[in-house]
Amino acid sequence: MSIWSRLESVINSYMNDFGGQTSSRLKSSGDPDVDAAYEELNDFLNGKDSGEKKKSDNESFYTWRDARETPRGGNDRAKVKTPPEELRADFELLEVPFGADEETCKTAYKKLLKIHHPDRHAGHEGNYRKATEKSAKINAAVDRIEKWRAGGNIS
């Protein structure tokens, strides 16, 4: 049994619990969003292109791309502040795109600090000194980015 068949049987059993039937065309579950989602999944499983599907003549088209770009709370991109250019080098030091979100920066910081932590290079004096300098630069970059996010002075 393929994963698609198993998925279809799970959805059919779920819909059956809500008054649907386990045929290829289900009765309405009473929730138009559930019905539309099932219809889109059914089209996908049957090999139809359901990237854009019109719900009714009055409603607009819906695509998965629209769902990703416009979260439930509205368009969050308008709320994102663009960092000042003097932080570009700090984002590059963390090896993340300029203006990356807080979670991406934190993940990159942890990864780089594991690599360049002085304790990992304690056996070799030259490498220890380089690791100390690099970790200090990484910490300073993260501090500046965090100060900017908090609205403070980044100097």
Protein backbone atom coordinates (compact mmCIF):
# COMPACT_ATOMS: atom_id res chain seq x y z
CA MET A 1 0.00 0.00 0.00
CA SER A 2 1.52 3.30 -1.06
CA ILE A 3 1.73 6.32 1.19
CA TRP A 4 -0.89 8.08 -0.94
CA SER A 5 -3.33 5.18 -0.51
CA ARG A 6 -2.76 5.17 3.24
CA LEU A 7 -3.23 8.94 3.37
CA GLU A 8 -6.44 8.68 1.38
CA SER A 9 -7.79 5.95 3.68
CA VAL A 10 -6.97 8.05 6.78
CA ILE A 11 -8.72 11.07 5.31
CA ASN A 12 -11.70 8.97 4.23
CA SER A 13 -12.02 7.57 7.75
CA TYR A 14 -11.72 11.07 9.20
CA MET A 15 -14.39 12.37 6.85
CA ASN A 16 -16.56 9.34 7.62
CA ASP A 17 -16.51 10.34 11.30
CA PHE A 18 -18.03 13.68 10.28
CA GLY A 19 -20.88 12.28 8.23
CA GLY A 20 -19.03 11.81 4.97
CA GLN A 21 -18.90 8.60 3.02
CA THR A 22 -15.85 6.64 1.93
CA SER A 23 -16.33 7.02 -1.79
CA SER A 24 -14.31 9.10 -4.20
CA ARG A 25 -16.84 11.95 -3.84
CA LEU A 26 -17.61 12.76 -0.19
CA LYS A 27 -20.70 14.43 1.16
CA SER A 28 -20.22 17.84 2.72
CA SER A 29 -18.71 17.72 6.18
CA GLY A 30 -20.43 20.99 7.05
CA ASP A 31 -17.17 22.92 7.07
CA PRO A 32 -16.40 24.55 3.71
CA ASP A 33 -12.67 24.75 4.48
CA VAL A 34 -12.47 21.02 5.22
CA ASP A 35 -14.45 20.26 2.07
CA ALA A 36 -12.18 22.48 -0.05
CA ALA A 37 -9.03 20.95 1.46
CA TYR A 38 -10.31 17.43 0.86
CA GLU A 39 -11.31 18.32 -2.70
CA GLU A 40 -7.82 19.73 -3.37
CA LEU A 41 -6.15 16.67 -1.86
CA ASN A 42 -8.39 14.36 -3.85
CA ASP A 43 -7.49 16.20 -7.07
CA PHE A 44 -3.80 15.93 -6.20
CA LEU A 45 -4.06 12.21 -5.48
CA ASN A 46 -5.83 11.70 -8.80
CA GLY A 47 -3.08 13.57 -10.64
CA LYS A 48 -4.99 16.74 -11.40
CA ASP A 49 -3.26 20.12 -11.12
CA SER A 50 -5.03 21.85 -8.26
CA GLY A 51 -2.54 24.69 -7.72
CA GLU A 52 -5.33 27.16 -8.25
CA LYS A 53 -8.91 26.18 -7.61
CA LYS A 54 -11.91 28.45 -7.58
CA LYS A 55 -14.23 27.88 -4.65
CA SER A 56 -17.22 29.57 -6.23
CA ASP A 57 -18.02 32.23 -8.80
CA ASN A 58 -17.97 34.98 -6.15
CA GLU A 59 -14.74 34.02 -4.36
CA SER A 60 -11.17 34.62 -5.42
CA PHE A 61 -8.62 31.99 -6.33
CA TYR A 62 -6.67 30.30 -3.57
CA THR A 63 -3.19 28.84 -3.94
CA TRP A 64 -0.78 27.29 -1.51
CA ARG A 65 1.65 30.08 -2.35
CA ASP A 66 -0.90 32.62 -1.13
CA ALA A 67 -1.17 30.77 2.18
CA ARG A 68 2.60 30.92 2.71
CA GLU A 69 2.91 34.58 1.77
CA THR A 70 -0.05 35.83 3.77
CA PRO A 71 -0.18 34.34 7.27
CA ARG A 72 -3.41 34.44 9.24
CA GLY A 73 -2.38 37.63 10.99
CA GLY A 74 -1.93 39.44 7.70
CA ASN A 75 1.21 40.30 5.80
CA ASP A 76 4.06 40.21 8.33
CA ARG A 77 6.61 41.52 5.84
CA ALA A 78 5.45 45.08 6.39
CA LYS A 79 6.35 44.74 10.09
CA VAL A 80 9.94 43.60 9.45
CA LYS A 81 12.56 46.33 9.86
CA THR A 82 15.45 46.46 7.44
CA PRO A 83 18.77 46.49 9.28
CA PRO A 84 21.21 49.36 8.75
CA GLU A 85 24.04 48.80 6.28
CA GLU A 86 26.68 48.81 9.02
CA LEU A 87 25.29 45.43 10.16
CA ARG A 88 25.88 43.81 6.75
CA ALA A 89 29.37 42.62 7.81
CA ASP A 90 27.91 41.14 11.00
CA PHE A 91 25.35 39.10 9.06
CA GLU A 92 28.13 37.97 6.68
CA LEU A 93 30.30 36.94 9.64
CA LEU A 94 27.42 34.75 10.84
CA GLU A 95 27.13 33.37 7.28
CA VAL A 96 23.42 34.26 7.01
CA PRO A 97 21.59 36.49 4.51
CA PHE A 98 21.49 40.20 5.28
CA GLY A 99 18.46 40.85 7.49
CA ALA A 100 17.96 37.18 8.45
CA ASP A 101 15.45 36.52 11.21
CA GLU A 102 16.39 35.99 14.84
CA GLU A 103 16.04 32.20 14.76
CA THR A 104 18.34 31.86 11.73
CA CYS A 105 20.95 34.07 13.37
CA LYS A 106 20.78 32.10 16.62
CA THR A 107 21.24 28.79 14.80
CA ALA A 108 24.20 30.12 12.81
CA TYR A 109 25.74 31.58 15.98
CA LYS A 110 25.58 28.25 17.79
CA LYS A 111 27.02 26.41 14.80
CA LEU A 112 29.93 28.82 14.38
CA LEU A 113 30.68 28.94 18.09
CA LYS A 114 30.92 25.14 18.21
CA ILE A 115 33.50 25.29 15.43
CA HIS A 116 35.50 28.27 16.68
CA HIS A 117 35.26 27.87 20.45
CA PRO A 118 38.71 28.31 22.06
CA ASP A 119 38.32 25.17 24.21
CA ARG A 120 38.26 23.04 21.04
CA HIS A 121 41.71 24.38 20.10
CA ALA A 122 43.39 24.36 23.51
CA GLY A 123 46.15 21.95 22.41
CA HIS A 124 47.66 24.29 19.82
CA GLU A 125 48.65 27.83 20.82
CA GLY A 126 48.27 29.39 17.34
CA ASN A 127 44.87 27.84 16.69
CA TYR A 128 43.76 28.71 20.22
CA ARG A 129 44.58 32.40 19.63
CA LYS A 130 42.80 32.41 16.23
CA ALA A 131 39.74 30.70 17.73
CA THR A 132 39.66 33.22 20.58
CA GLU A 133 39.74 36.12 18.12
CA LYS A 134 37.10 34.55 15.86
CA SER A 135 34.72 33.74 18.72
CA ALA A 136 35.13 37.31 20.05
CA LYS A 137 34.18 38.68 16.60
CA ILE A 138 31.18 36.32 16.41
CA ASN A 139 30.01 37.38 19.89
CA ALA A 140 30.39 41.07 19.01
CA ALA A 141 28.44 40.62 15.78
CA VAL A 142 25.59 38.86 17.56
CA ASP A 143 25.55 41.56 20.26
CA ARG A 144 25.24 44.32 17.64
CA ILE A 145 22.45 42.50 15.83
CA GLU A 146 20.58 41.87 19.10
CA LYS A 147 20.94 45.53 20.13
CA TRP A 148 19.55 46.60 16.76
CA ARG A 149 16.58 44.20 17.13
CA ALA A 150 15.91 45.61 20.61
CA GLY A 151 15.96 49.14 19.19
CA GLY A 152 19.14 50.23 20.92
CA ASN A 153 22.36 51.83 19.75
CA ILE A 154 24.48 49.33 17.76
CA SER A 155 27.90 50.93 18.35
